[in-house]
Amino acid sequence: ELTPVELDLSNYLFTIVNPGIHVSTASAFSSIKPAIPEKPLQQIIKQPIATWRNELINDFESGVFAQYPAIKEIKDELYNKGALYASMSGTGSTVYGIFEKDQLPALSFPKEYFTKSFIGQLQ
């Protein structure tokens, strides 16, 4: 069930990182342990982005990270470089970080990783 939400992220910088790892969608779904969040999504996303870290969870991450530690390392690095929030996109392997608009992170991922930073909303 999809519900439209209003969320203006135009004042933030996004960095996406794709390590080129193929994550099988079937494998990701077989290892998922869905959890009902303590707060509804609509409430969480109205909070400051820095609070999302502990409340806005991609349930696919634990299984995918166990199988592909390099993907978890990307998320950790985004947080280490100042991301307000970072998450794997869907079943992976792309990971994105949301930063303050004026904070272009100095990232040092392997050259074969695709990385891109931009201001505005993810589309």
PDB file of N, CA and C in Angstrom:
ATOM      1  N   GLU A   1       0.850  -1.170   0.000  1.00  0.00           N
ATOM      2  CA  GLU A   1       0.000   0.000   0.000  1.00  0.00           C
ATOM      3  C   GLU A   1       0.896   1.234   0.000  1.00  0.00           C
ATOM      4  N   LEU A   2       0.711   2.083  -0.992  1.00  0.00           N
ATOM      5  CA  LEU A   2       1.519   3.290  -1.112  1.00  0.00           C
ATOM      6  C   LEU A   2       0.701   4.498  -0.693  1.00  0.00           C
ATOM      7  N   THR A   3       1.351   5.402   0.016  1.00  0.00           N
ATOM      8  CA  THR A   3       0.714   6.635   0.453  1.00  0.00           C
ATOM      9  C   THR A   3       1.616   7.792   0.059  1.00  0.00           C
ATOM     10  N   PRO A   4       1.091   8.768  -0.677  1.00  0.00           N
ATOM     11  CA  PRO A   4       1.932   9.919  -1.026  1.00  0.00           C
ATOM     12  C   PRO A   4       2.333  10.699   0.230  1.00  0.00           C
ATOM     13  N   VAL A   5       3.549  11.220   0.213  1.00  0.00           N
ATOM     14  CA  VAL A   5       4.024  12.054   1.318  1.00  0.00           C
ATOM     15  C   VAL A   5       4.628  13.319   0.736  1.00  0.00           C
ATOM     16  N   GLU A   6       4.560  14.383   1.488  1.00  0.00           N
ATOM     17  CA  GLU A   6       5.222  15.620   1.084  1.00  0.00           C
ATOM     18  C   GLU A   6       6.528  15.703   1.851  1.00  0.00           C
ATOM     19  N   LEU A   7       7.611  15.808   1.101  1.00  0.00           N
ATOM     20  CA  LEU A   7       8.930  15.834   1.706  1.00  0.00           C
ATOM     21  C   LEU A   7       9.848  16.643   0.813  1.00  0.00           C
ATOM     22  N   ASP A   8      10.286  17.783   1.300  1.00  0.00           N
ATOM     23  CA  ASP A   8      11.171  18.643   0.520  1.00  0.00           C
ATOM     24  C   ASP A   8      12.618  18.380   0.930  1.00  0.00           C
ATOM     25  N   LEU A   9      13.375  17.773   0.052  1.00  0.00           N
ATOM     26  CA  LEU A   9      14.783  17.489   0.306  1.00  0.00           C
ATOM     27  C   LEU A   9      15.698  18.329  -0.576  1.00  0.00           C
ATOM     28  N   SER A  10      15.159  19.405  -1.137  1.00  0.00           N
ATOM     29  CA  SER A  10      15.912  20.217  -2.086  1.00  0.00           C
ATOM     30  C   SER A  10      17.073  20.974  -1.448  1.00  0.00           C
ATOM     31  N   ASN A  11      17.107  21.061  -0.139  1.00  0.00           N
ATOM     32  CA  ASN A  11      18.198  21.768   0.530  1.00  0.00           C
ATOM     33  C   ASN A  11      19.267  20.828   1.063  1.00  0.00           C
ATOM     34  N   TYR A  12      19.311  19.623   0.519  1.00  0.00           N
ATOM     35  CA  TYR A  12      20.296  18.640   0.959  1.00  0.00           C
ATOM     36  C   TYR A  12      21.105  18.137  -0.226  1.00  0.00           C
ATOM     37  N   LEU A  13      22.296  17.653   0.084  1.00  0.00           N
ATOM     38  CA  LEU A  13      23.164  17.057  -0.920  1.00  0.00           C
ATOM     39  C   LEU A  13      23.051  15.543  -0.786  1.00  0.00           C
ATOM     40  N   PHE A  14      22.882  14.868  -1.891  1.00  0.00           N
ATOM     41  CA  PHE A  14      22.810  13.418  -1.917  1.00  0.00           C
ATOM     42  C   PHE A  14      24.079  12.869  -2.544  1.00  0.00           C
ATOM     43  N   THR A  15      24.565  11.791  -1.992  1.00  0.00           N
ATOM     44  CA  THR A  15      25.661  11.055  -2.607  1.00  0.00           C
ATOM     45  C   THR A  15      25.192   9.624  -2.760  1.00  0.00           C
ATOM     46  N   ILE A  16      25.313   9.107  -3.976  1.00  0.00           N
ATOM     47  CA  ILE A  16      24.977   7.702  -4.206  1.00  0.00           C
ATOM     48  C   ILE A  16      26.261   6.958  -4.567  1.00  0.00           C
ATOM     49  N   VAL A  17      26.345   5.723  -4.083  1.00  0.00           N
ATOM     50  CA  VAL A  17      27.522   4.894  -4.316  1.00  0.00           C
ATOM     51  C   VAL A  17      27.031   3.509  -4.715  1.00  0.00           C
ATOM     52  N   ASN A  18      27.515   3.037  -5.866  1.00  0.00           N
ATOM     53  CA  ASN A  18      27.187   1.687  -6.300  1.00  0.00           C
ATOM     54  C   ASN A  18      28.496   0.947  -6.531  1.00  0.00           C
ATOM     55  N   PRO A  19      28.723  -0.129  -5.759  1.00  0.00           N
ATOM     56  CA  PRO A  19      29.981  -0.855  -5.875  1.00  0.00           C
ATOM     57  C   PRO A  19      30.027  -1.846  -7.026  1.00  0.00           C
ATOM     58  N   GLY A  20      28.936  -1.959  -7.780  1.00  0.00           N
ATOM     59  CA  GLY A  20      28.915  -2.905  -8.891  1.00  0.00           C
ATOM     60  C   GLY A  20      28.699  -4.340  -8.451  1.00  0.00           C
ATOM     61  N   ILE A  21      28.235  -4.523  -7.227  1.00  0.00           N
ATOM     62  CA  ILE A  21      27.946  -5.865  -6.717  1.00  0.00           C
ATOM     63  C   ILE A  21      26.515  -6.221  -7.102  1.00  0.00           C
ATOM     64  N   HIS A  22      26.335  -7.385  -7.713  1.00  0.00           N
ATOM     65  CA  HIS A  22      24.980  -7.831  -8.033  1.00  0.00           C
ATOM     66  C   HIS A  22      24.377  -8.502  -6.806  1.00  0.00           C
ATOM     67  N   VAL A  23      23.270  -7.964  -6.336  1.00  0.00           N
ATOM     68  CA  VAL A  23      22.540  -8.564  -5.227  1.00  0.00           C
ATOM     69  C   VAL A  23      21.295  -9.221  -5.817  1.00  0.00           C
ATOM     70  N   SER A  24      21.185 -10.500  -5.650  1.00  0.00           N
ATOM     71  CA  SER A  24      20.021 -11.230  -6.138  1.00  0.00           C
ATOM     72  C   SER A  24      18.787 -10.786  -5.355  1.00  0.00           C
ATOM     73  N   THR A  25      17.777 -10.343  -6.079  1.00  0.00           N
ATOM     74  CA  THR A  25      16.532  -9.932  -5.421  1.00  0.00           C
ATOM     75  C   THR A  25      15.924 -11.113  -4.670  1.00  0.00           C
ATOM     76  N   ALA A  26      15.968 -12.289  -5.257  1.00  0.00           N
ATOM     77  CA  ALA A  26      15.427 -13.481  -4.589  1.00  0.00           C
ATOM     78  C   ALA A  26      16.168 -13.748  -3.287  1.00  0.00           C
ATOM     79  N   SER A  27      17.483 -13.616  -3.312  1.00  0.00           N
ATOM     80  CA  SER A  27      18.284 -13.833  -2.108  1.00  0.00           C
ATOM     81  C   SER A  27      17.960 -12.784  -1.047  1.00  0.00           C
ATOM     82  N   ALA A  28      17.827 -11.535  -1.473  1.00  0.00           N
ATOM     83  CA  ALA A  28      17.509 -10.467  -0.527  1.00  0.00           C
ATOM     84  C   ALA A  28      16.162 -10.729   0.143  1.00  0.00           C
ATOM     85  N   PHE A  29      15.182 -11.136  -0.645  1.00  0.00           N
ATOM     86  CA  PHE A  29      13.860 -11.419  -0.074  1.00  0.00           C
ATOM     87  C   PHE A  29      13.877 -12.655   0.821  1.00  0.00           C
ATOM     88  N   SER A  30      14.720 -13.623   0.513  1.00  0.00           N
ATOM     89  CA  SER A  30      14.755 -14.839   1.329  1.00  0.00           C
ATOM     90  C   SER A  30      15.370 -14.600   2.704  1.00  0.00           C
ATOM     91  N   SER A  31      16.155 -13.541   2.836  1.00  0.00           N
ATOM     92  CA  SER A  31      16.812 -13.283   4.124  1.00  0.00           C
ATOM     93  C   SER A  31      16.202 -12.106   4.895  1.00  0.00           C
ATOM     94  N   ILE A  32      15.138 -11.530   4.372  1.00  0.00           N
ATOM     95  CA  ILE A  32      14.544 -10.368   5.037  1.00  0.00           C
ATOM     96  C   ILE A  32      13.799 -10.781   6.304  1.00  0.00           C
ATOM     97  N   LYS A  33      13.924  -9.928   7.302  1.00  0.00           N
ATOM     98  CA  LYS A  33      13.187 -10.092   8.548  1.00  0.00           C
ATOM     99  C   LYS A  33      12.422  -8.792   8.777  1.00  0.00           C
ATOM    100  N   PRO A  34      11.255  -8.655   8.152  1.00  0.00           N
ATOM    101  CA  PRO A  34      10.512  -7.396   8.256  1.00  0.00           C
ATOM    102  C   PRO A  34      10.137  -7.080   9.704  1.00  0.00           C
ATOM    103  N   ALA A  35      10.214  -5.812  10.021  1.00  0.00           N
ATOM    104  CA  ALA A  35       9.863  -5.358  11.364  1.00  0.00           C
ATOM    105  C   ALA A  35       8.904  -4.179  11.250  1.00  0.00           C
ATOM    106  N   ILE A  36       7.973  -4.122  12.146  1.00  0.00           N
ATOM    107  CA  ILE A  36       7.055  -2.989  12.192  1.00  0.00           C
ATOM    108  C   ILE A  36       7.734  -1.900  13.016  1.00  0.00           C
ATOM    109  N   PRO A  37       7.922  -0.713  12.436  1.00  0.00           N
ATOM    110  CA  PRO A  37       8.598   0.353  13.188  1.00  0.00           C
ATOM    111  C   PRO A  37       7.741   0.831  14.359  1.00  0.00           C
ATOM    112  N   GLU A  38       8.430   1.375  15.350  1.00  0.00           N
ATOM    113  CA  GLU A  38       7.721   1.896  16.520  1.00  0.00           C
ATOM    114  C   GLU A  38       6.840   3.085  16.156  1.00  0.00           C
ATOM    115  N   LYS A  39       7.285   3.852  15.163  1.00  0.00           N
ATOM    116  CA  LYS A  39       6.534   5.017  14.700  1.00  0.00           C
ATOM    117  C   LYS A  39       6.163   4.808  13.238  1.00  0.00           C
ATOM    118  N   PRO A  40       5.036   5.371  12.814  1.00  0.00           N
ATOM    119  CA  PRO A  40       4.694   5.286  11.393  1.00  0.00           C
ATOM    120  C   PRO A  40       5.694   6.088  10.548  1.00  0.00           C
ATOM    121  N   LEU A  41       5.911   5.631   9.323  1.00  0.00           N
ATOM    122  CA  LEU A  41       6.825   6.307   8.396  1.00  0.00           C
ATOM    123  C   LEU A  41       6.487   7.784   8.260  1.00  0.00           C
ATOM    124  N   GLN A  42       5.208   8.098   8.138  1.00  0.00           N
ATOM    125  CA  GLN A  42       4.789   9.493   7.969  1.00  0.00           C
ATOM    126  C   GLN A  42       5.251  10.362   9.143  1.00  0.00           C
ATOM    127  N   GLN A  43       5.329   9.803  10.334  1.00  0.00           N
ATOM    128  CA  GLN A  43       5.798  10.552  11.496  1.00  0.00           C
ATOM    129  C   GLN A  43       7.325  10.679  11.485  1.00  0.00           C
ATOM    130  N   ILE A  44       8.002   9.608  11.146  1.00  0.00           N
ATOM    131  CA  ILE A  44       9.472   9.613  11.135  1.00  0.00           C
ATOM    132  C   ILE A  44      10.009  10.650  10.154  1.00  0.00           C
ATOM    133  N   ILE A  45       9.449  10.693   8.932  1.00  0.00           N
ATOM    134  CA  ILE A  45      10.015  11.590   7.927  1.00  0.00           C
ATOM    135  C   ILE A  45       9.710  13.058   8.182  1.00  0.00           C
ATOM    136  N   LYS A  46       8.840  13.357   9.130  1.00  0.00           N
ATOM    137  CA  LYS A  46       8.592  14.750   9.513  1.00  0.00           C
ATOM    138  C   LYS A  46       9.602  15.229  10.547  1.00  0.00           C
ATOM    139  N   GLN A  47      10.356  14.316  11.100  1.00  0.00           N
ATOM    140  CA  GLN A  47      11.383  14.654  12.085  1.00  0.00           C
ATOM    141  C   GLN A  47      12.634  15.152  11.362  1.00  0.00           C
ATOM    142  N   PRO A  48      13.562  15.776  12.092  1.00  0.00           N
ATOM    143  CA  PRO A  48      14.847  16.153  11.470  1.00  0.00           C
ATOM    144  C   PRO A  48      15.537  14.915  10.894  1.00  0.00           C
ATOM    145  N   ILE A  49      16.168  15.082   9.741  1.00  0.00           N
ATOM    146  CA  ILE A  49      16.784  13.956   9.049  1.00  0.00           C
ATOM    147  C   ILE A  49      17.792  13.221   9.928  1.00  0.00           C
ATOM    148  N   ALA A  50      18.518  13.928  10.771  1.00  0.00           N
ATOM    149  CA  ALA A  50      19.514  13.272  11.620  1.00  0.00           C
ATOM    150  C   ALA A  50      18.885  12.243  12.561  1.00  0.00           C
ATOM    151  N   THR A  51      17.596  12.340  12.835  1.00  0.00           N
ATOM    152  CA  THR A  51      16.935  11.364  13.717  1.00  0.00           C
ATOM    153  C   THR A  51      16.513  10.101  12.957  1.00  0.00           C
ATOM    154  N   TRP A  52      16.551  10.138  11.647  1.00  0.00           N
ATOM    155  CA  TRP A  52      16.127   8.986  10.856  1.00  0.00           C
ATOM    156  C   TRP A  52      17.045   7.777  11.062  1.00  0.00           C
ATOM    157  N   ARG A  53      18.293   8.038  11.375  1.00  0.00           N
ATOM    158  CA  ARG A  53      19.308   6.975  11.455  1.00  0.00           C
ATOM    159  C   ARG A  53      18.849   5.776  12.286  1.00  0.00           C
ATOM    160  N   ASN A  54      18.217   6.033  13.391  1.00  0.00           N
ATOM    161  CA  ASN A  54      17.815   4.952  14.289  1.00  0.00           C
ATOM    162  C   ASN A  54      16.367   4.524  14.118  1.00  0.00           C
ATOM    163  N   GLU A  55      15.626   5.200  13.231  1.00  0.00           N
ATOM    164  CA  GLU A  55      14.206   4.902  13.119  1.00  0.00           C
ATOM    165  C   GLU A  55      13.740   4.525  11.712  1.00  0.00           C
ATOM    166  N   LEU A  56      14.416   5.012  10.695  1.00  0.00           N
ATOM    167  CA  LEU A  56      14.022   4.733   9.313  1.00  0.00           C
ATOM    168  C   LEU A  56      14.951   3.642   8.780  1.00  0.00           C
ATOM    169  N   ILE A  57      14.472   2.415   8.833  1.00  0.00           N
ATOM    170  CA  ILE A  57      15.315   1.244   8.591  1.00  0.00           C
ATOM    171  C   ILE A  57      14.876   0.510   7.320  1.00  0.00           C
ATOM    172  N   ASN A  58      15.855   0.158   6.503  1.00  0.00           N
ATOM    173  CA  ASN A  58      15.608  -0.705   5.346  1.00  0.00           C
ATOM    174  C   ASN A  58      15.815  -2.144   5.832  1.00  0.00           C
ATOM    175  N   ASP A  59      14.734  -2.896   5.941  1.00  0.00           N
ATOM    176  CA  ASP A  59      14.805  -4.250   6.485  1.00  0.00           C
ATOM    177  C   ASP A  59      15.656  -5.202   5.642  1.00  0.00           C
ATOM    178  N   PHE A  60      15.945  -4.864   4.407  1.00  0.00           N
ATOM    179  CA  PHE A  60      16.800  -5.711   3.569  1.00  0.00           C
ATOM    180  C   PHE A  60      18.265  -5.629   4.001  1.00  0.00           C
ATOM    181  N   GLU A  61      18.654  -4.549   4.670  1.00  0.00           N
ATOM    182  CA  GLU A  61      20.070  -4.322   4.950  1.00  0.00           C
ATOM    183  C   GLU A  61      20.727  -5.440   5.750  1.00  0.00           C
ATOM    184  N   SER A  62      20.119  -5.920   6.805  1.00  0.00           N
ATOM    185  CA  SER A  62      20.818  -6.893   7.654  1.00  0.00           C
ATOM    186  C   SER A  62      21.206  -8.143   6.874  1.00  0.00           C
ATOM    187  N   GLY A  63      20.307  -8.672   6.072  1.00  0.00           N
ATOM    188  CA  GLY A  63      20.628  -9.864   5.288  1.00  0.00           C
ATOM    189  C   GLY A  63      21.641  -9.590   4.198  1.00  0.00           C
ATOM    190  N   VAL A  64      21.480  -8.479   3.489  1.00  0.00           N
ATOM    191  CA  VAL A  64      22.411  -8.138   2.401  1.00  0.00           C
ATOM    192  C   VAL A  64      23.788  -7.813   2.974  1.00  0.00           C
ATOM    193  N   PHE A  65      23.843  -7.068   4.067  1.00  0.00           N
ATOM    194  CA  PHE A  65      25.132  -6.720   4.670  1.00  0.00           C
ATOM    195  C   PHE A  65      25.876  -7.971   5.144  1.00  0.00           C
ATOM    196  N   ALA A  66      25.138  -8.954   5.651  1.00  0.00           N
ATOM    197  CA  ALA A  66      25.785 -10.200   6.099  1.00  0.00           C
ATOM    198  C   ALA A  66      26.425 -10.926   4.920  1.00  0.00           C
ATOM    199  N   GLN A  67      25.766 -10.877   3.776  1.00  0.00           N
ATOM    200  CA  GLN A  67      26.275 -11.568   2.590  1.00  0.00           C
ATOM    201  C   GLN A  67      27.328 -10.746   1.840  1.00  0.00           C
ATOM    202  N   TYR A  68      27.196  -9.409   1.891  1.00  0.00           N
ATOM    203  CA  TYR A  68      28.098  -8.513   1.160  1.00  0.00           C
ATOM    204  C   TYR A  68      28.595  -7.404   2.087  1.00  0.00           C
ATOM    205  N   PRO A  69      29.584  -7.690   2.925  1.00  0.00           N
ATOM    206  CA  PRO A  69      30.076  -6.688   3.885  1.00  0.00           C
ATOM    207  C   PRO A  69      30.554  -5.385   3.231  1.00  0.00           C
ATOM    208  N   ALA A  70      30.984  -5.440   1.976  1.00  0.00           N
ATOM    209  CA  ALA A  70      31.448  -4.223   1.290  1.00  0.00           C
ATOM    210  C   ALA A  70      30.321  -3.195   1.171  1.00  0.00           C
ATOM    211  N   ILE A  71      29.085  -3.662   1.070  1.00  0.00           N
ATOM    212  CA  ILE A  71      27.957  -2.725   0.968  1.00  0.00           C
ATOM    213  C   ILE A  71      27.750  -2.034   2.309  1.00  0.00           C
ATOM    214  N   LYS A  72      27.877  -2.774   3.400  1.00  0.00           N
ATOM    215  CA  LYS A  72      27.776  -2.160   4.740  1.00  0.00           C
ATOM    216  C   LYS A  72      28.898  -1.144   4.943  1.00  0.00           C
ATOM    217  N   GLU A  73      30.085  -1.461   4.433  1.00  0.00           N
ATOM    218  CA  GLU A  73      31.217  -0.539   4.569  1.00  0.00           C
ATOM    219  C   GLU A  73      30.932   0.793   3.875  1.00  0.00           C
ATOM    220  N   ILE A  74      30.206   0.760   2.780  1.00  0.00           N
ATOM    221  CA  ILE A  74      29.836   2.007   2.099  1.00  0.00           C
ATOM    222  C   ILE A  74      28.952   2.851   3.012  1.00  0.00           C
ATOM    223  N   LYS A  75      27.940   2.231   3.592  1.00  0.00           N
ATOM    224  CA  LYS A  75      27.043   2.963   4.492  1.00  0.00           C
ATOM    225  C   LYS A  75      27.824   3.534   5.675  1.00  0.00           C
ATOM    226  N   ASP A  76      28.688   2.725   6.265  1.00  0.00           N
ATOM    227  CA  ASP A  76      29.504   3.192   7.392  1.00  0.00           C
ATOM    228  C   ASP A  76      30.373   4.380   6.991  1.00  0.00           C
ATOM    229  N   GLU A  77      30.966   4.311   5.791  1.00  0.00           N
ATOM    230  CA  GLU A  77      31.826   5.399   5.325  1.00  0.00           C
ATOM    231  C   GLU A  77      31.033   6.696   5.111  1.00  0.00           C
ATOM    232  N   LEU A  78      29.822   6.568   4.589  1.00  0.00           N
ATOM    233  CA  LEU A  78      28.986   7.764   4.411  1.00  0.00           C
ATOM    234  C   LEU A  78      28.710   8.415   5.764  1.00  0.00           C
ATOM    235  N   TYR A  79      28.384   7.620   6.770  1.00  0.00           N
ATOM    236  CA  TYR A  79      28.186   8.178   8.116  1.00  0.00           C
ATOM    237  C   TYR A  79      29.492   8.758   8.665  1.00  0.00           C
ATOM    238  N   ASN A  80      30.602   8.075   8.445  1.00  0.00           N
ATOM    239  CA  ASN A  80      31.891   8.582   8.925  1.00  0.00           C
ATOM    240  C   ASN A  80      32.254   9.918   8.286  1.00  0.00           C
ATOM    241  N   LYS A  81      31.760  10.163   7.071  1.00  0.00           N
ATOM    242  CA  LYS A  81      32.046  11.416   6.370  1.00  0.00           C
ATOM    243  C   LYS A  81      30.975  12.472   6.614  1.00  0.00           C
ATOM    244  N   GLY A  82      30.055  12.215   7.556  1.00  0.00           N
ATOM    245  CA  GLY A  82      29.125  13.260   7.966  1.00  0.00           C
ATOM    246  C   GLY A  82      27.708  13.161   7.452  1.00  0.00           C
ATOM    247  N   ALA A  83      27.328  12.046   6.874  1.00  0.00           N
ATOM    248  CA  ALA A  83      25.942  11.909   6.394  1.00  0.00           C
ATOM    249  C   ALA A  83      24.976  12.058   7.566  1.00  0.00           C
ATOM    250  N   LEU A  84      23.905  12.788   7.315  1.00  0.00           N
ATOM    251  CA  LEU A  84      22.834  12.885   8.303  1.00  0.00           C
ATOM    252  C   LEU A  84      22.053  11.578   8.336  1.00  0.00           C
ATOM    253  N   TYR A  85      21.932  10.962   7.161  1.00  0.00           N
ATOM    254  CA  TYR A  85      21.224   9.687   7.031  1.00  0.00           C
ATOM    255  C   TYR A  85      21.840   8.935   5.862  1.00  0.00           C
ATOM    256  N   ALA A  86      21.931   7.639   6.002  1.00  0.00           N
ATOM    257  CA  ALA A  86      22.420   6.787   4.913  1.00  0.00           C
ATOM    258  C   ALA A  86      21.628   5.493   4.936  1.00  0.00           C
ATOM    259  N   SER A  87      21.417   4.946   3.742  1.00  0.00           N
ATOM    260  CA  SER A  87      20.645   3.712   3.634  1.00  0.00           C
ATOM    261  C   SER A  87      20.954   3.026   2.317  1.00  0.00           C
ATOM    262  N   MET A  88      20.747   1.722   2.318  1.00  0.00           N
ATOM    263  CA  MET A  88      20.801   0.988   1.068  1.00  0.00           C
ATOM    264  C   MET A  88      19.496   1.269   0.334  1.00  0.00           C
ATOM    265  N   SER A  89      19.575   1.376  -0.964  1.00  0.00           N
ATOM    266  CA  SER A  89      18.392   1.616  -1.779  1.00  0.00           C
ATOM    267  C   SER A  89      17.766   0.276  -2.140  1.00  0.00           C
ATOM    268  N   GLY A  90      16.551   0.048  -1.711  1.00  0.00           N
ATOM    269  CA  GLY A  90      15.859  -1.198  -2.021  1.00  0.00           C
ATOM    270  C   GLY A  90      16.627  -2.404  -1.552  1.00  0.00           C
ATOM    271  N   THR A  91      16.823  -3.372  -2.460  1.00  0.00           N
ATOM    272  CA  THR A  91      17.539  -4.599  -2.112  1.00  0.00           C
ATOM    273  C   THR A  91      19.043  -4.495  -2.379  1.00  0.00           C
ATOM    274  N   GLY A  92      19.521  -3.302  -2.774  1.00  0.00           N
ATOM    275  CA  GLY A  92      20.941  -3.071  -2.959  1.00  0.00           C
ATOM    276  C   GLY A  92      21.364  -3.287  -4.406  1.00  0.00           C
ATOM    277  N   SER A  93      22.529  -2.956  -4.757  1.00  0.00           N
ATOM    278  CA  SER A  93      23.662  -2.670  -3.911  1.00  0.00           C
ATOM    279  C   SER A  93      23.984  -1.173  -3.775  1.00  0.00           C
ATOM    280  N   THR A  94      23.161  -0.314  -4.366  1.00  0.00           N
ATOM    281  CA  THR A  94      23.398   1.120  -4.230  1.00  0.00           C
ATOM    282  C   THR A  94      23.084   1.572  -2.809  1.00  0.00           C
ATOM    283  N   VAL A  95      23.948   2.455  -2.308  1.00  0.00           N
ATOM    284  CA  VAL A  95      23.765   3.062  -0.989  1.00  0.00           C
ATOM    285  C   VAL A  95      23.782   4.566  -1.192  1.00  0.00           C
ATOM    286  N   TYR A  96      22.930   5.278  -0.477  1.00  0.00           N
ATOM    287  CA  TYR A  96      22.919   6.733  -0.595  1.00  0.00           C
ATOM    288  C   TYR A  96      23.086   7.375   0.770  1.00  0.00           C
ATOM    289  N   GLY A  97      23.636   8.572   0.748  1.00  0.00           N
ATOM    290  CA  GLY A  97      23.785   9.364   1.958  1.00  0.00           C
ATOM    291  C   GLY A  97      23.193  10.738   1.723  1.00  0.00           C
ATOM    292  N   ILE A  98      22.591  11.289   2.757  1.00  0.00           N
ATOM    293  CA  ILE A  98      22.036  12.647   2.715  1.00  0.00           C
ATOM    294  C   ILE A  98      22.915  13.517   3.608  1.00  0.00           C
ATOM    295  N   PHE A  99      23.431  14.585   3.025  1.00  0.00           N
ATOM    296  CA  PHE A  99      24.344  15.494   3.718  1.00  0.00           C
ATOM    297  C   PHE A  99      23.766  16.903   3.724  1.00  0.00           C
ATOM    298  N   GLU A 100      24.298  17.732   4.619  1.00  0.00           N
ATOM    299  CA  GLU A 100      23.967  19.156   4.566  1.00  0.00           C
ATOM    300  C   GLU A 100      24.372  19.662   3.183  1.00  0.00           C
ATOM    301  N   LYS A 101      23.624  20.608   2.653  1.00  0.00           N
ATOM    302  CA  LYS A 101      23.818  21.089   1.280  1.00  0.00           C
ATOM    303  C   LYS A 101      25.244  21.577   1.007  1.00  0.00           C
ATOM    304  N   ASP A 102      25.859  22.195   1.989  1.00  0.00           N
ATOM    305  CA  ASP A 102      27.196  22.779   1.786  1.00  0.00           C
ATOM    306  C   ASP A 102      28.323  21.829   2.200  1.00  0.00           C
ATOM    307  N   GLN A 103      28.019  20.555   2.406  1.00  0.00           N
ATOM    308  CA  GLN A 103      29.019  19.609   2.888  1.00  0.00           C
ATOM    309  C   GLN A 103      29.286  18.516   1.856  1.00  0.00           C
ATOM    310  N   LEU A 104      30.109  18.816   0.864  1.00  0.00           N
ATOM    311  CA  LEU A 104      30.486  17.811  -0.125  1.00  0.00           C
ATOM    312  C   LEU A 104      31.501  16.880   0.526  1.00  0.00           C
ATOM    313  N   PRO A 105      31.130  15.614   0.724  1.00  0.00           N
ATOM    314  CA  PRO A 105      32.030  14.705   1.439  1.00  0.00           C
ATOM    315  C   PRO A 105      33.260  14.332   0.603  1.00  0.00           C
ATOM    316  N   ALA A 106      34.382  14.186   1.282  1.00  0.00           N
ATOM    317  CA  ALA A 106      35.617  13.732   0.637  1.00  0.00           C
ATOM    318  C   ALA A 106      35.656  12.210   0.752  1.00  0.00           C
ATOM    319  N   LEU A 107      35.147  11.540  -0.257  1.00  0.00           N
ATOM    320  CA  LEU A 107      35.039  10.093  -0.221  1.00  0.00           C
ATOM    321  C   LEU A 107      36.203   9.445  -0.956  1.00  0.00           C
ATOM    322  N   SER A 108      36.570   8.255  -0.501  1.00  0.00           N
ATOM    323  CA  SER A 108      37.682   7.558  -1.152  1.00  0.00           C
ATOM    324  C   SER A 108      37.311   6.089  -1.381  1.00  0.00           C
ATOM    325  N   PHE A 109      36.342   5.890  -2.248  1.00  0.00           N
ATOM    326  CA  PHE A 109      35.937   4.530  -2.599  1.00  0.00           C
ATOM    327  C   PHE A 109      36.803   4.034  -3.754  1.00  0.00           C
ATOM    328  N   PRO A 110      36.873   2.714  -3.936  1.00  0.00           N
ATOM    329  CA  PRO A 110      37.638   2.181  -5.073  1.00  0.00           C
ATOM    330  C   PRO A 110      37.161   2.780  -6.396  1.00  0.00           C
ATOM    331  N   LYS A 111      38.070   2.921  -7.335  1.00  0.00           N
ATOM    332  CA  LYS A 111      37.758   3.604  -8.594  1.00  0.00           C
ATOM    333  C   LYS A 111      36.663   2.915  -9.398  1.00  0.00           C
ATOM    334  N   GLU A 112      36.454   1.614  -9.189  1.00  0.00           N
ATOM    335  CA  GLU A 112      35.410   0.922  -9.941  1.00  0.00           C
ATOM    336  C   GLU A 112      34.007   1.169  -9.378  1.00  0.00           C
ATOM    337  N   TYR A 113      33.917   1.797  -8.210  1.00  0.00           N
ATOM    338  CA  TYR A 113      32.616   2.142  -7.648  1.00  0.00           C
ATOM    339  C   TYR A 113      32.071   3.356  -8.391  1.00  0.00           C
ATOM    340  N   PHE A 114      30.786   3.329  -8.700  1.00  0.00           N
ATOM    341  CA  PHE A 114      30.135   4.507  -9.271  1.00  0.00           C
ATOM    342  C   PHE A 114      29.710   5.395  -8.118  1.00  0.00           C
ATOM    343  N   THR A 115      30.123   6.664  -8.155  1.00  0.00           N
ATOM    344  CA  THR A 115      29.687   7.622  -7.132  1.00  0.00           C
ATOM    345  C   THR A 115      29.215   8.883  -7.817  1.00  0.00           C
ATOM    346  N   LYS A 116      28.212   9.482  -7.231  1.00  0.00           N
ATOM    347  CA  LYS A 116      27.690  10.742  -7.761  1.00  0.00           C
ATOM    348  C   LYS A 116      27.076  11.519  -6.616  1.00  0.00           C
ATOM    349  N   SER A 117      27.339  12.816  -6.602  1.00  0.00           N
ATOM    350  CA  SER A 117      26.734  13.715  -5.620  1.00  0.00           C
ATOM    351  C   SER A 117      25.934  14.765  -6.350  1.00  0.00           C
ATOM    352  N   PHE A 118      24.804  15.135  -5.775  1.00  0.00           N
ATOM    353  CA  PHE A 118      23.952  16.151  -6.388  1.00  0.00           C
ATOM    354  C   PHE A 118      23.052  16.765  -5.331  1.00  0.00           C
ATOM    355  N   ILE A 119      22.572  17.952  -5.609  1.00  0.00           N
ATOM    356  CA  ILE A 119      21.656  18.638  -4.708  1.00  0.00           C
ATOM    357  C   ILE A 119      20.255  18.448  -5.239  1.00  0.00           C
ATOM    358  N   GLY A 120      19.329  18.177  -4.333  1.00  0.00           N
ATOM    359  CA  GLY A 120      17.939  18.020  -4.731  1.00  0.00           C
ATOM    360  C   GLY A 120      17.377  16.693  -4.305  1.00  0.00           C
ATOM    361  N   GLN A 121      16.221  16.405  -4.785  1.00  0.00           N
ATOM    362  CA  GLN A 121      15.551  15.190  -4.385  1.00  0.00           C
ATOM    363  C   GLN A 121      15.974  14.013  -5.232  1.00  0.00           C
ATOM    364  N   LEU A 122      15.994  12.836  -4.596  1.00  0.00           N
ATOM    365  CA  LEU A 122      16.208  11.591  -5.341  1.00  0.00           C
ATOM    366  C   LEU A 122      14.971  11.335  -6.171  1.00  0.00           C
ATOM    367  N   GLN A 123      15.176  10.999  -7.419  1.00  0.00           N
ATOM    368  CA  GLN A 123      14.032  10.711  -8.276  1.00  0.00           C
ATOM    369  C   GLN A 123      14.262   9.438  -9.030  1.00  0.00           C
TER     370      GLN A 123
END
